[in-house]
Structure formats: C-alpha cells, structure tokens
Amino acid sequence: MTTTPDLRVPVGDLLARPGLRRALLTTATGVDLRLRSGGIAADDPVDLDLYLESIGDGVVVSGHVAARWAAECSRCLDPVEGAVDVAVHEFFEREPLDGETYPLDGDEIDLEPMVRDALAPTIPSVPLCDDACLGLCPACGADRNVATCACRQETTDPRWATLAEITFEGPAARAPGGPAGN
C-alpha cells in the first residue's frame, strides 16, 4: 500500500518539547478505502481536524476524521452515498503495541493507517437507499420500488420445502400423556 504524502506528518518539533500541542486541519486524498459494499475512492477527499500533542516519547492524535462514501443499494442496486465523521484518539510511539498504538517513524507519523482504521467500520456493510426499499424481483429483475411485476413471490424459502413434508407418527406421538395421548 502506498501512503499518500498528505498523511505523512513531521513531528520532530513536538518530540523535542513534551507537552507541545499543534493543530492539523487538512483535506487529504489518496485514502483508497473500497470495501465489498462500497467505500471511499482514492480521489475522494478526507477531512482531518486533529490535534497532535507530544507526550513523553510519543504523540497523541485526537480530533475528527470525516469523509463521504458511495455504494450501491444492496436491494435495488441504485447509487447510495453518505457521510461519516469519526472521533479519533490514538497514540503514536517508537515501539508500538500491535493493534493498540501506531508507529512513530523517525520524526514522522503516518496517519493513513489510523484514518483507514477509523473510517472502515463506519461504512455500511449492507448499504440501503431506504429502509423500506423493496429491491429487485428475483425472477424478472424489475425494480419493485418503481413498478410491480406479475411474478409469483415465494412466501417460504424453497430450501426448507422438504421439512414441510415431514410428519411425526412415532412412539413419542402416541405415548400416554404425550401430544396424541391426552
């Protein structure tokens, strides 16, 4: 994965003076966060409104990361888009704890992994144009939000049809005090 230069931030001045705090307000591109359901394309802007603060041998990054995502409705395949705004509060250090902190690379931090980790869970895994979307007809493909079709709609899943044919006539059904013997 190539890191966008917009998200590599020099922090040498912060590391030299513990307690120093600096604002970072920028819009970056190059965060390619396309998931199976949709996502954020590499040329889409990602807004960062962050504070960087030196603490000991590391840097705390806190603030907000915001972006717009695009996908197809999972039911009717119409385009869907939305916005996400995520609060972040992360620590960058020279010897990061796997899955808990982020690496400090010399006198720079790379914000891209943090941005991706923050945004990915906020993008819907099953995007819908509307909660009441009727989707496409599985038989003819008509958009049921726009028109009705004459196709017969199954009310039960055909994979369970065999279970409907099972009857219970064994000893348990005829036992005294059982369902058939009352």
C-alpha atoms as a PDB file:
ATOM      1  CA  MET A   1       0.000   0.000   0.000  1.00  0.00           C
ATOM      2  CA  THR A   2       1.365   3.405  -0.962  1.00  0.00           C
ATOM      3  CA  THR A   3       0.987   6.141   1.605  1.00  0.00           C
ATOM      4  CA  THR A   4      -0.286   9.490   0.436  1.00  0.00           C
ATOM      5  CA  PRO A   5       2.154  12.325   1.205  1.00  0.00           C
ATOM      6  CA  ASP A   6      -0.796  14.340   2.612  1.00  0.00           C
ATOM      7  CA  LEU A   7      -0.956  11.958   5.572  1.00  0.00           C
ATOM      8  CA  ARG A   8       2.745  11.823   6.486  1.00  0.00           C
ATOM      9  CA  VAL A   9       3.220  14.468   9.157  1.00  0.00           C
ATOM     10  CA  PRO A  10       6.557  15.682  10.574  1.00  0.00           C
ATOM     11  CA  VAL A  11       6.513  15.725  14.396  1.00  0.00           C
ATOM     12  CA  GLY A  12      10.172  16.414  15.248  1.00  0.00           C
ATOM     13  CA  ASP A  13       9.256  19.770  16.798  1.00  0.00           C
ATOM     14  CA  LEU A  14       6.685  18.074  19.045  1.00  0.00           C
ATOM     15  CA  LEU A  15       9.052  15.323  20.151  1.00  0.00           C
ATOM     16  CA  ALA A  16      11.685  17.922  21.112  1.00  0.00           C
ATOM     17  CA  ARG A  17       9.280  19.667  23.500  1.00  0.00           C
ATOM     18  CA  PRO A  18       6.994  17.390  25.570  1.00  0.00           C
ATOM     19  CA  GLY A  19       3.611  18.966  26.178  1.00  0.00           C
ATOM     20  CA  LEU A  20       3.672  20.937  22.925  1.00  0.00           C
ATOM     21  CA  ARG A  21       0.379  20.808  21.017  1.00  0.00           C
ATOM     22  CA  ARG A  22      -0.295  21.615  17.357  1.00  0.00           C
ATOM     23  CA  ALA A  23      -3.472  21.718  15.264  1.00  0.00           C
ATOM     24  CA  LEU A  24      -3.698  19.927  11.938  1.00  0.00           C
ATOM     25  CA  LEU A  25      -6.594  20.925   9.719  1.00  0.00           C
ATOM     26  CA  THR A  26      -6.279  19.492   6.222  1.00  0.00           C
ATOM     27  CA  THR A  27      -8.032  17.673   3.418  1.00  0.00           C
ATOM     28  CA  ALA A  28      -6.209  14.653   2.059  1.00  0.00           C
ATOM     29  CA  THR A  29      -6.746  12.414  -0.939  1.00  0.00           C
ATOM     30  CA  GLY A  30      -5.292   9.032  -1.698  1.00  0.00           C
ATOM     31  CA  VAL A  31      -7.054   7.045   1.034  1.00  0.00           C
ATOM     32  CA  ASP A  32      -8.385   4.156  -1.059  1.00  0.00           C
ATOM     33  CA  LEU A  33     -10.928   2.524   1.211  1.00  0.00           C
ATOM     34  CA  ARG A  34     -13.089   0.449  -1.098  1.00  0.00           C
ATOM     35  CA  LEU A  35     -14.880  -2.373   0.623  1.00  0.00           C
ATOM     36  CA  ARG A  36     -17.077  -5.086  -0.850  1.00  0.00           C
ATOM     37  CA  SER A  37     -20.154  -2.952  -0.192  1.00  0.00           C
ATOM     38  CA  GLY A  38     -18.719   0.360  -1.427  1.00  0.00           C
ATOM     39  CA  GLY A  39     -16.463   2.891   0.180  1.00  0.00           C
ATOM     40  CA  ILE A  40     -14.183   5.852  -0.354  1.00  0.00           C
ATOM     41  CA  ALA A  41     -12.295   6.134  -3.646  1.00  0.00           C
ATOM     42  CA  ALA A  42      -8.664   7.263  -3.694  1.00  0.00           C
ATOM     43  CA  ASP A  43      -9.533  10.609  -5.289  1.00  0.00           C
ATOM     44  CA  ASP A  44     -12.275  11.405  -2.736  1.00  0.00           C
ATOM     45  CA  PRO A  45     -11.346  13.984  -0.083  1.00  0.00           C
ATOM     46  CA  VAL A  46     -10.917  13.012   3.557  1.00  0.00           C
ATOM     47  CA  ASP A  47     -11.126  15.890   6.024  1.00  0.00           C
ATOM     48  CA  LEU A  48      -8.926  15.833   9.113  1.00  0.00           C
ATOM     49  CA  ASP A  49      -9.480  18.165  12.057  1.00  0.00           C
ATOM     50  CA  LEU A  50      -6.852  16.984  14.511  1.00  0.00           C
ATOM     51  CA  TYR A  51      -4.621  17.994  17.390  1.00  0.00           C
ATOM     52  CA  LEU A  52      -1.160  16.479  17.778  1.00  0.00           C
ATOM     53  CA  GLU A  53       0.334  16.563  21.262  1.00  0.00           C
ATOM     54  CA  SER A  54       3.715  15.382  22.449  1.00  0.00           C
ATOM     55  CA  ILE A  55       3.588  13.055  25.440  1.00  0.00           C
ATOM     56  CA  GLY A  56       6.887  11.544  26.544  1.00  0.00           C
ATOM     57  CA  ASP A  57       8.389   9.658  23.628  1.00  0.00           C
ATOM     58  CA  GLY A  58       5.199   9.642  21.578  1.00  0.00           C
ATOM     59  CA  VAL A  59       2.467  11.735  20.020  1.00  0.00           C
ATOM     60  CA  VAL A  60      -1.256  11.656  20.808  1.00  0.00           C
ATOM     61  CA  VAL A  61      -3.513  12.407  17.836  1.00  0.00           C
ATOM     62  CA  SER A  62      -7.085  13.388  18.662  1.00  0.00           C
ATOM     63  CA  GLY A  63      -9.933  15.042  16.802  1.00  0.00           C
ATOM     64  CA  HIS A  64     -12.207  14.096  13.907  1.00  0.00           C
ATOM     65  CA  VAL A  65     -11.868  12.398  10.526  1.00  0.00           C
ATOM     66  CA  ALA A  66     -14.683  12.908   8.009  1.00  0.00           C
ATOM     67  CA  ALA A  67     -15.403  11.642   4.503  1.00  0.00           C
ATOM     68  CA  ARG A  68     -18.179  10.803   2.067  1.00  0.00           C
ATOM     69  CA  TRP A  69     -18.738   7.224   0.908  1.00  0.00           C
ATOM     70  CA  ALA A  70     -20.537   5.798  -2.118  1.00  0.00           C
ATOM     71  CA  ALA A  71     -22.021   2.367  -2.807  1.00  0.00           C
ATOM     72  CA  GLU A  72     -24.894   0.536  -4.475  1.00  0.00           C
ATOM     73  CA  CYS A  73     -28.073  -0.249  -2.577  1.00  0.00           C
ATOM     74  CA  SER A  74     -27.906  -3.880  -1.521  1.00  0.00           C
ATOM     75  CA  ARG A  75     -31.521  -4.441  -2.601  1.00  0.00           C
ATOM     76  CA  CYS A  76     -32.152  -2.388  -5.770  1.00  0.00           C
ATOM     77  CA  LEU A  77     -28.578  -1.510  -6.872  1.00  0.00           C
ATOM     78  CA  ASP A  78     -29.320   2.239  -7.074  1.00  0.00           C
ATOM     79  CA  PRO A  79     -26.446   4.542  -6.107  1.00  0.00           C
ATOM     80  CA  VAL A  80     -26.280   5.407  -2.405  1.00  0.00           C
ATOM     81  CA  GLU A  81     -23.988   7.801  -0.635  1.00  0.00           C
ATOM     82  CA  GLY A  82     -23.476   9.107   2.839  1.00  0.00           C
ATOM     83  CA  ALA A  83     -21.116  10.941   5.122  1.00  0.00           C
ATOM     84  CA  VAL A  84     -19.150   9.748   8.129  1.00  0.00           C
ATOM     85  CA  ASP A  85     -17.499  11.750  10.879  1.00  0.00           C
ATOM     86  CA  VAL A  86     -15.449   9.761  13.363  1.00  0.00           C
ATOM     87  CA  ALA A  87     -13.774  10.851  16.581  1.00  0.00           C
ATOM     88  CA  VAL A  88     -10.202   9.606  16.981  1.00  0.00           C
ATOM     89  CA  HIS A  89      -7.834   9.489  19.940  1.00  0.00           C
ATOM     90  CA  GLU A  90      -4.718   7.471  19.139  1.00  0.00           C
ATOM     91  CA  PHE A  91      -1.126   7.177  20.339  1.00  0.00           C
ATOM     92  CA  PHE A  92       1.945   7.002  18.065  1.00  0.00           C
ATOM     93  CA  GLU A  93       5.168   5.645  19.603  1.00  0.00           C
ATOM     94  CA  ARG A  94       8.546   4.252  18.526  1.00  0.00           C
ATOM     95  CA  GLU A  95       7.732   0.713  19.688  1.00  0.00           C
ATOM     96  CA  PRO A  96       4.000   0.353  19.019  1.00  0.00           C
ATOM     97  CA  LEU A  97       1.852  -2.309  20.633  1.00  0.00           C
ATOM     98  CA  ASP A  98       0.288  -4.370  17.854  1.00  0.00           C
ATOM     99  CA  GLY A  99      -3.363  -3.412  17.448  1.00  0.00           C
ATOM    100  CA  GLU A 100      -3.218  -0.784  20.205  1.00  0.00           C
ATOM    101  CA  THR A 101      -0.868   2.019  19.119  1.00  0.00           C
ATOM    102  CA  TYR A 102       0.621   3.251  15.853  1.00  0.00           C
ATOM    103  CA  PRO A 103       4.294   3.512  14.840  1.00  0.00           C
ATOM    104  CA  LEU A 104       6.351   6.664  15.053  1.00  0.00           C
ATOM    105  CA  ASP A 105       8.655   6.572  12.012  1.00  0.00           C
ATOM    106  CA  GLY A 106      11.689   8.679  12.915  1.00  0.00           C
ATOM    107  CA  ASP A 107      10.371  12.201  13.191  1.00  0.00           C
ATOM    108  CA  GLU A 108       7.193  11.492  11.208  1.00  0.00           C
ATOM    109  CA  ILE A 109       3.860   9.826  11.755  1.00  0.00           C
ATOM    110  CA  ASP A 110       1.792   8.232   9.017  1.00  0.00           C
ATOM    111  CA  LEU A 111      -1.879   8.996   9.665  1.00  0.00           C
ATOM    112  CA  GLU A 112      -3.213   6.800   6.845  1.00  0.00           C
ATOM    113  CA  PRO A 113      -3.492   3.542   8.867  1.00  0.00           C
ATOM    114  CA  MET A 114      -5.303   5.421  11.652  1.00  0.00           C
ATOM    115  CA  VAL A 115      -7.651   7.093   9.140  1.00  0.00           C
ATOM    116  CA  ARG A 116      -8.431   3.758   7.458  1.00  0.00           C
ATOM    117  CA  ASP A 117      -8.993   2.040  10.832  1.00  0.00           C
ATOM    118  CA  ALA A 118     -11.323   4.832  11.932  1.00  0.00           C
ATOM    119  CA  LEU A 119     -13.407   5.063   8.744  1.00  0.00           C
ATOM    120  CA  ALA A 120     -13.718   1.400   7.689  1.00  0.00           C
ATOM    121  CA  PRO A 121     -16.177   0.293  10.400  1.00  0.00           C
ATOM    122  CA  THR A 122     -18.433   3.299   9.775  1.00  0.00           C
ATOM    123  CA  ILE A 123     -19.134   2.463   6.126  1.00  0.00           C
ATOM    124  CA  PRO A 124     -22.331   0.378   5.996  1.00  0.00           C
ATOM    125  CA  SER A 125     -21.720  -3.268   5.141  1.00  0.00           C
ATOM    126  CA  VAL A 126     -25.246  -3.510   3.710  1.00  0.00           C
ATOM    127  CA  PRO A 127     -25.997  -0.042   2.292  1.00  0.00           C
ATOM    128  CA  LEU A 128     -29.636   0.751   1.549  1.00  0.00           C
ATOM    129  CA  CYS A 129     -31.168   3.613  -0.411  1.00  0.00           C
ATOM    130  CA  ASP A 130     -34.084   3.478   2.042  1.00  0.00           C
ATOM    131  CA  ASP A 131     -35.038   1.115   4.871  1.00  0.00           C
ATOM    132  CA  ALA A 132     -38.299   0.398   3.014  1.00  0.00           C
ATOM    133  CA  CYS A 133     -36.556  -0.444  -0.283  1.00  0.00           C
ATOM    134  CA  LEU A 134     -38.347  -3.369  -1.958  1.00  0.00           C
ATOM    135  CA  GLY A 135     -35.368  -4.321  -4.115  1.00  0.00           C
ATOM    136  CA  LEU A 136     -35.322  -6.173  -7.405  1.00  0.00           C
ATOM    137  CA  CYS A 137     -37.635  -9.041  -8.293  1.00  0.00           C
ATOM    138  CA  PRO A 138     -35.540 -12.214  -8.113  1.00  0.00           C
ATOM    139  CA  ALA A 139     -37.428 -13.696 -11.066  1.00  0.00           C
ATOM    140  CA  CYS A 140     -37.606 -10.904 -13.662  1.00  0.00           C
ATOM    141  CA  GLY A 141     -35.256  -8.261 -12.231  1.00  0.00           C
ATOM    142  CA  ALA A 142     -37.841  -5.456 -12.139  1.00  0.00           C
ATOM    143  CA  ASP A 143     -37.228  -2.692  -9.609  1.00  0.00           C
ATOM    144  CA  ARG A 144     -40.135  -3.236  -7.202  1.00  0.00           C
ATOM    145  CA  ASN A 145     -39.802   0.351  -5.930  1.00  0.00           C
ATOM    146  CA  VAL A 146     -40.826   1.629  -9.368  1.00  0.00           C
ATOM    147  CA  ALA A 147     -43.268  -0.976 -10.686  1.00  0.00           C
ATOM    148  CA  THR A 148     -44.940  -4.203  -9.693  1.00  0.00           C
ATOM    149  CA  CYS A 149     -44.352  -7.349 -11.672  1.00  0.00           C
ATOM    150  CA  ALA A 150     -46.574 -10.359 -12.283  1.00  0.00           C
ATOM    151  CA  CYS A 151     -44.050 -12.823 -10.928  1.00  0.00           C
ATOM    152  CA  ARG A 152     -45.215 -15.195  -8.194  1.00  0.00           C
ATOM    153  CA  GLN A 153     -43.480 -14.350  -4.951  1.00  0.00           C
ATOM    154  CA  GLU A 154     -42.425 -17.280  -2.781  1.00  0.00           C
ATOM    155  CA  THR A 155     -43.502 -16.801   0.819  1.00  0.00           C
ATOM    156  CA  THR A 156     -41.292 -19.615   2.097  1.00  0.00           C
ATOM    157  CA  ASP A 157     -37.705 -20.369   1.297  1.00  0.00           C
ATOM    158  CA  PRO A 158     -37.681 -23.348  -1.136  1.00  0.00           C
ATOM    159  CA  ARG A 159     -34.673 -24.796   0.697  1.00  0.00           C
ATOM    160  CA  TRP A 160     -36.985 -25.620   3.633  1.00  0.00           C
ATOM    161  CA  ALA A 161     -39.762 -27.210   1.494  1.00  0.00           C
ATOM    162  CA  THR A 162     -38.723 -30.770   2.347  1.00  0.00           C
ATOM    163  CA  LEU A 163     -39.193 -30.107   6.058  1.00  0.00           C
ATOM    164  CA  ALA A 164     -42.852 -29.193   5.451  1.00  0.00           C
ATOM    165  CA  GLU A 165     -43.471 -32.756   4.207  1.00  0.00           C
ATOM    166  CA  ILE A 166     -42.256 -34.423   7.432  1.00  0.00           C
ATOM    167  CA  THR A 167     -44.934 -35.889   9.706  1.00  0.00           C
ATOM    168  CA  PHE A 168     -44.342 -37.217  13.189  1.00  0.00           C
ATOM    169  CA  GLU A 169     -46.052 -40.557  13.882  1.00  0.00           C
ATOM    170  CA  GLY A 170     -43.527 -42.354  16.042  1.00  0.00           C
ATOM    171  CA  PRO A 171     -43.889 -43.753  19.592  1.00  0.00           C
ATOM    172  CA  ALA A 172     -43.418 -40.317  21.150  1.00  0.00           C
ATOM    173  CA  ALA A 173     -46.521 -39.054  19.372  1.00  0.00           C
ATOM    174  CA  ARG A 174     -48.635 -41.987  20.768  1.00  0.00           C
ATOM    175  CA  ALA A 175     -47.169 -42.203  24.285  1.00  0.00           C
ATOM    176  CA  PRO A 176     -49.620 -41.855  27.204  1.00  0.00           C
ATOM    177  CA  GLY A 177     -49.643 -38.258  28.357  1.00  0.00           C
ATOM    178  CA  GLY A 178     -47.875 -37.256  25.132  1.00  0.00           C
ATOM    179  CA  PRO A 179     -49.281 -34.946  22.494  1.00  0.00           C
ATOM    180  CA  ALA A 180     -51.502 -37.643  20.889  1.00  0.00           C
ATOM    181  CA  GLY A 181     -52.460 -39.488  24.096  1.00  0.00           C
ATOM    182  CA  ASN A 182     -54.061 -36.731  26.194  1.00  0.00           C
END
